[in-house]
Amino acid sequence: MAGKVGGGGSGKGLDVNADPNVIPFIDIMLVLLIIFMIAAPISSVDIQVEMPEARIMPSQRPPRPTWISVNEDAAGLHVYVMNDEVNINDLGERTYEAVQANTPTIAGNDDEIRDQRIYIRADGTLAYRNVVRVMNRLQDKGFTKIGLVAEDRRR
């Protein structure tokens, strides 16, 4: 126990003591310590149980996304699958090959290849009909999950 004895002052009375009283806090902490010391051995179980082994397959990494980039200049319409420029008439077949190369685990399954999402990045000044032409070429090959990508200007 601590207390303040004596001290300067004017002698008319006791000075104001600004030190916090930590004795109730220490009492509560000791009581909690005793409760936890008693309760800890009760929570352990001594019954032997043979647990089954868990055989969890690690999750597959998602496939690398397939990008179609479209822009137009004075020379005409340019369509790129990943980084390779392709003719718009060959777009479906080249996209199929790119998806197949990006996802080797599903290389033999046509339905799973066509189920992959294709992302289209088009120039902002590009006519809408050109984007629709690209989407139609992809749908002709069986790709129905097509996403349009926009630039994030919030930064």
C-alpha atoms as a PDB file:
ATOM      1  CA  MET A   1       0.000   0.000   0.000  1.00  0.00           C
ATOM      2  CA  ALA A   2       1.282   3.386  -0.870  1.00  0.00           C
ATOM      3  CA  GLY A   3       0.463   6.657   0.671  1.00  0.00           C
ATOM      4  CA  LYS A   4       1.763  10.167   0.731  1.00  0.00           C
ATOM      5  CA  VAL A   5       3.051  11.312   4.070  1.00  0.00           C
ATOM      6  CA  GLY A   6       4.013  14.856   4.826  1.00  0.00           C
ATOM      7  CA  GLY A   7       5.076  17.225   2.171  1.00  0.00           C
ATOM      8  CA  GLY A   8       5.400  20.938   1.829  1.00  0.00           C
ATOM      9  CA  GLY A   9       2.387  23.057   1.417  1.00  0.00           C
ATOM     10  CA  SER A  10       0.946  25.867   3.394  1.00  0.00           C
ATOM     11  CA  GLY A  11       0.136  23.777   6.463  1.00  0.00           C
ATOM     12  CA  LYS A  12      -3.588  24.612   6.242  1.00  0.00           C
ATOM     13  CA  GLY A  13      -4.582  21.178   4.941  1.00  0.00           C
ATOM     14  CA  LEU A  14      -3.721  18.422   2.569  1.00  0.00           C
ATOM     15  CA  ASP A  15      -2.658  19.132  -0.993  1.00  0.00           C
ATOM     16  CA  VAL A  16      -4.543  17.661  -3.950  1.00  0.00           C
ATOM     17  CA  ASN A  17      -3.080  14.309  -4.985  1.00  0.00           C
ATOM     18  CA  ALA A  18      -3.232  13.720  -8.771  1.00  0.00           C
ATOM     19  CA  ASP A  19      -1.781  10.165  -8.708  1.00  0.00           C
ATOM     20  CA  PRO A  20      -4.251   7.498  -9.919  1.00  0.00           C
ATOM     21  CA  ASN A  21      -5.373   4.896  -7.430  1.00  0.00           C
ATOM     22  CA  VAL A  22      -4.223   1.589  -8.964  1.00  0.00           C
ATOM     23  CA  ILE A  23      -4.971  -0.639  -5.980  1.00  0.00           C
ATOM     24  CA  PRO A  24      -8.504  -1.648  -7.171  1.00  0.00           C
ATOM     25  CA  PHE A  25      -7.081  -2.357 -10.631  1.00  0.00           C
ATOM     26  CA  ILE A  26      -4.408  -4.657  -9.164  1.00  0.00           C
ATOM     27  CA  ASP A  27      -7.035  -6.446  -7.049  1.00  0.00           C
ATOM     28  CA  ILE A  28      -9.199  -7.146 -10.106  1.00  0.00           C
ATOM     29  CA  MET A  29      -6.212  -8.397 -12.093  1.00  0.00           C
ATOM     30  CA  LEU A  30      -5.209 -10.804  -9.316  1.00  0.00           C
ATOM     31  CA  VAL A  31      -8.758 -12.186  -9.087  1.00  0.00           C
ATOM     32  CA  LEU A  32      -8.849 -12.719 -12.873  1.00  0.00           C
ATOM     33  CA  LEU A  33      -5.453 -14.407 -12.752  1.00  0.00           C
ATOM     34  CA  ILE A  34      -6.685 -16.845 -10.117  1.00  0.00           C
ATOM     35  CA  ILE A  35      -9.864 -17.591 -12.102  1.00  0.00           C
ATOM     36  CA  PHE A  36      -7.890 -18.325 -15.271  1.00  0.00           C
ATOM     37  CA  MET A  37      -5.384 -20.488 -13.398  1.00  0.00           C
ATOM     38  CA  ILE A  38      -8.247 -22.606 -12.038  1.00  0.00           C
ATOM     39  CA  ALA A  39     -10.183 -22.791 -15.330  1.00  0.00           C
ATOM     40  CA  ALA A  40      -7.222 -23.650 -17.600  1.00  0.00           C
ATOM     41  CA  PRO A  41      -6.772 -27.293 -16.498  1.00  0.00           C
ATOM     42  CA  ILE A  42     -10.529 -27.918 -16.774  1.00  0.00           C
ATOM     43  CA  SER A  43     -10.568 -27.050 -20.483  1.00  0.00           C
ATOM     44  CA  SER A  44      -8.037 -29.753 -21.396  1.00  0.00           C
ATOM     45  CA  VAL A  45      -9.490 -33.158 -22.261  1.00  0.00           C
ATOM     46  CA  ASP A  46      -7.794 -36.457 -21.438  1.00  0.00           C
ATOM     47  CA  ILE A  47      -9.950 -38.719 -23.628  1.00  0.00           C
ATOM     48  CA  GLN A  48      -8.026 -40.295 -26.485  1.00  0.00           C
ATOM     49  CA  VAL A  49      -9.817 -39.984 -29.832  1.00  0.00           C
ATOM     50  CA  GLU A  50      -8.368 -41.129 -33.128  1.00  0.00           C
ATOM     51  CA  MET A  51      -9.047 -38.254 -35.501  1.00  0.00           C
ATOM     52  CA  PRO A  52      -9.403 -38.904 -39.249  1.00  0.00           C
ATOM     53  CA  GLU A  53      -6.753 -37.579 -41.591  1.00  0.00           C
ATOM     54  CA  ALA A  54      -7.681 -34.562 -43.653  1.00  0.00           C
ATOM     55  CA  ARG A  55      -6.951 -34.892 -47.331  1.00  0.00           C
ATOM     56  CA  ILE A  56      -7.587 -31.483 -48.752  1.00  0.00           C
ATOM     57  CA  MET A  57      -6.460 -30.770 -52.259  1.00  0.00           C
ATOM     58  CA  PRO A  58      -4.714 -27.410 -52.592  1.00  0.00           C
ATOM     59  CA  SER A  59      -6.780 -24.878 -54.467  1.00  0.00           C
ATOM     60  CA  GLN A  60      -5.858 -24.232 -58.058  1.00  0.00           C
ATOM     61  CA  ARG A  61      -4.468 -20.867 -58.991  1.00  0.00           C
ATOM     62  CA  PRO A  62      -6.901 -18.972 -61.181  1.00  0.00           C
ATOM     63  CA  PRO A  63      -5.918 -18.985 -64.826  1.00  0.00           C
ATOM     64  CA  ARG A  64      -4.151 -16.012 -66.265  1.00  0.00           C
ATOM     65  CA  PRO A  65      -6.758 -13.711 -67.838  1.00  0.00           C
ATOM     66  CA  THR A  66      -7.000 -13.513 -71.603  1.00  0.00           C
ATOM     67  CA  TRP A  67      -6.990  -9.957 -72.950  1.00  0.00           C
ATOM     68  CA  ILE A  68      -8.313  -8.677 -76.253  1.00  0.00           C
ATOM     69  CA  SER A  69      -7.151  -5.139 -77.067  1.00  0.00           C
ATOM     70  CA  VAL A  70      -8.838  -3.129 -79.813  1.00  0.00           C
ATOM     71  CA  ASN A  71      -7.806   0.224 -81.253  1.00  0.00           C
ATOM     72  CA  GLU A  72      -8.135   2.065 -84.513  1.00  0.00           C
ATOM     73  CA  ASP A  73      -5.841   4.464 -86.303  1.00  0.00           C
ATOM     74  CA  ALA A  74      -5.411   5.759 -89.848  1.00  0.00           C
ATOM     75  CA  ALA A  75      -4.273   2.305 -90.997  1.00  0.00           C
ATOM     76  CA  GLY A  76      -7.499   0.692 -89.793  1.00  0.00           C
ATOM     77  CA  LEU A  77      -8.746  -1.520 -86.979  1.00  0.00           C
ATOM     78  CA  HIS A  78      -6.140  -3.391 -84.911  1.00  0.00           C
ATOM     79  CA  VAL A  79      -7.094  -6.359 -82.730  1.00  0.00           C
ATOM     80  CA  TYR A  80      -4.630  -7.956 -80.322  1.00  0.00           C
ATOM     81  CA  VAL A  81      -4.941 -11.235 -78.432  1.00  0.00           C
ATOM     82  CA  MET A  82      -2.656 -10.812 -75.453  1.00  0.00           C
ATOM     83  CA  ASN A  83       0.274  -9.045 -77.216  1.00  0.00           C
ATOM     84  CA  ASP A  84      -0.100 -10.557 -80.678  1.00  0.00           C
ATOM     85  CA  GLU A  85      -1.934  -8.703 -83.437  1.00  0.00           C
ATOM     86  CA  VAL A  86      -4.484 -10.873 -85.201  1.00  0.00           C
ATOM     87  CA  ASN A  87      -6.889 -10.521 -88.086  1.00  0.00           C
ATOM     88  CA  ILE A  88     -10.467  -9.948 -86.919  1.00  0.00           C
ATOM     89  CA  ASN A  89     -11.616 -12.986 -88.919  1.00  0.00           C
ATOM     90  CA  ASP A  90      -9.155 -15.223 -87.018  1.00  0.00           C
ATOM     91  CA  LEU A  91      -9.980 -13.712 -83.611  1.00  0.00           C
ATOM     92  CA  GLY A  92     -12.072 -16.620 -82.315  1.00  0.00           C
ATOM     93  CA  GLU A  93      -9.504 -19.291 -83.168  1.00  0.00           C
ATOM     94  CA  ARG A  94      -6.544 -17.281 -81.842  1.00  0.00           C
ATOM     95  CA  THR A  95      -8.416 -16.515 -78.614  1.00  0.00           C
ATOM     96  CA  TYR A  96      -9.187 -20.224 -78.216  1.00  0.00           C
ATOM     97  CA  GLU A  97      -5.480 -20.999 -78.599  1.00  0.00           C
ATOM     98  CA  ALA A  98      -4.501 -18.285 -76.096  1.00  0.00           C
ATOM     99  CA  VAL A  99      -6.961 -19.560 -73.477  1.00  0.00           C
ATOM    100  CA  GLN A 100      -5.738 -23.101 -74.050  1.00  0.00           C
ATOM    101  CA  ALA A 101      -2.128 -21.953 -73.546  1.00  0.00           C
ATOM    102  CA  ASN A 102      -3.016 -19.979 -70.376  1.00  0.00           C
ATOM    103  CA  THR A 103      -4.863 -22.885 -68.733  1.00  0.00           C
ATOM    104  CA  PRO A 104      -2.951 -26.116 -69.331  1.00  0.00           C
ATOM    105  CA  THR A 105      -5.065 -28.009 -66.771  1.00  0.00           C
ATOM    106  CA  ILE A 106      -8.156 -27.801 -68.995  1.00  0.00           C
ATOM    107  CA  ALA A 107      -6.363 -28.075 -72.324  1.00  0.00           C
ATOM    108  CA  GLY A 108      -8.457 -30.974 -73.603  1.00  0.00           C
ATOM    109  CA  ASN A 109     -11.913 -29.837 -72.472  1.00  0.00           C
ATOM    110  CA  ASP A 110     -13.585 -27.535 -75.022  1.00  0.00           C
ATOM    111  CA  ASP A 111     -16.477 -26.616 -72.725  1.00  0.00           C
ATOM    112  CA  GLU A 112     -14.165 -25.468 -69.930  1.00  0.00           C
ATOM    113  CA  ILE A 113     -12.020 -23.509 -72.371  1.00  0.00           C
ATOM    114  CA  ARG A 114     -15.058 -21.679 -73.717  1.00  0.00           C
ATOM    115  CA  ASP A 115     -16.256 -21.091 -70.145  1.00  0.00           C
ATOM    116  CA  GLN A 116     -13.235 -18.891 -69.354  1.00  0.00           C
ATOM    117  CA  ARG A 117     -13.766 -15.127 -69.115  1.00  0.00           C
ATOM    118  CA  ILE A 118     -12.326 -12.976 -71.901  1.00  0.00           C
ATOM    119  CA  TYR A 119     -11.529  -9.312 -71.168  1.00  0.00           C
ATOM    120  CA  ILE A 120     -11.844  -6.672 -73.897  1.00  0.00           C
ATOM    121  CA  ARG A 121      -9.914  -3.397 -73.664  1.00  0.00           C
ATOM    122  CA  ALA A 122     -11.067  -0.955 -76.316  1.00  0.00           C
ATOM    123  CA  ASP A 123      -9.839   2.522 -77.126  1.00  0.00           C
ATOM    124  CA  GLY A 124     -12.184   5.252 -75.862  1.00  0.00           C
ATOM    125  CA  THR A 125     -12.503   6.819 -79.318  1.00  0.00           C
ATOM    126  CA  LEU A 126     -13.289   3.496 -80.991  1.00  0.00           C
ATOM    127  CA  ALA A 127     -16.698   3.181 -82.632  1.00  0.00           C
ATOM    128  CA  TYR A 128     -19.137   0.957 -80.746  1.00  0.00           C
ATOM    129  CA  ARG A 129     -19.757  -1.188 -83.819  1.00  0.00           C
ATOM    130  CA  ASN A 130     -16.113  -2.318 -83.791  1.00  0.00           C
ATOM    131  CA  VAL A 131     -16.381  -3.530 -80.189  1.00  0.00           C
ATOM    132  CA  VAL A 132     -19.565  -5.394 -81.103  1.00  0.00           C
ATOM    133  CA  ARG A 133     -17.797  -6.983 -84.085  1.00  0.00           C
ATOM    134  CA  VAL A 134     -15.066  -8.267 -81.739  1.00  0.00           C
ATOM    135  CA  MET A 135     -17.685  -9.617 -79.336  1.00  0.00           C
ATOM    136  CA  ASN A 136     -19.547 -11.319 -82.203  1.00  0.00           C
ATOM    137  CA  ARG A 137     -16.345 -13.047 -83.389  1.00  0.00           C
ATOM    138  CA  LEU A 138     -15.772 -14.335 -79.864  1.00  0.00           C
ATOM    139  CA  GLN A 139     -19.372 -15.538 -79.552  1.00  0.00           C
ATOM    140  CA  ASP A 140     -19.094 -17.315 -82.920  1.00  0.00           C
ATOM    141  CA  LYS A 141     -16.310 -19.416 -81.399  1.00  0.00           C
ATOM    142  CA  GLY A 142     -18.412 -20.121 -78.267  1.00  0.00           C
ATOM    143  CA  PHE A 143     -17.043 -17.582 -75.774  1.00  0.00           C
ATOM    144  CA  THR A 144     -19.987 -16.099 -73.878  1.00  0.00           C
ATOM    145  CA  LYS A 145     -18.282 -14.757 -70.751  1.00  0.00           C
ATOM    146  CA  ILE A 146     -16.928 -11.466 -72.013  1.00  0.00           C
ATOM    147  CA  GLY A 147     -15.951  -8.571 -69.787  1.00  0.00           C
ATOM    148  CA  LEU A 148     -15.322  -4.974 -70.813  1.00  0.00           C
ATOM    149  CA  VAL A 149     -12.474  -3.222 -69.023  1.00  0.00           C
ATOM    150  CA  ALA A 150     -12.442   0.491 -68.210  1.00  0.00           C
ATOM    151  CA  GLU A 151      -9.696   2.679 -66.800  1.00  0.00           C
ATOM    152  CA  ASP A 152      -9.921   3.481 -63.094  1.00  0.00           C
ATOM    153  CA  ARG A 153      -9.665   7.262 -62.837  1.00  0.00           C
ATOM    154  CA  ARG A 154     -10.271   7.538 -59.088  1.00  0.00           C
ATOM    155  CA  ARG A 155      -6.551   7.861 -58.358  1.00  0.00           C
END
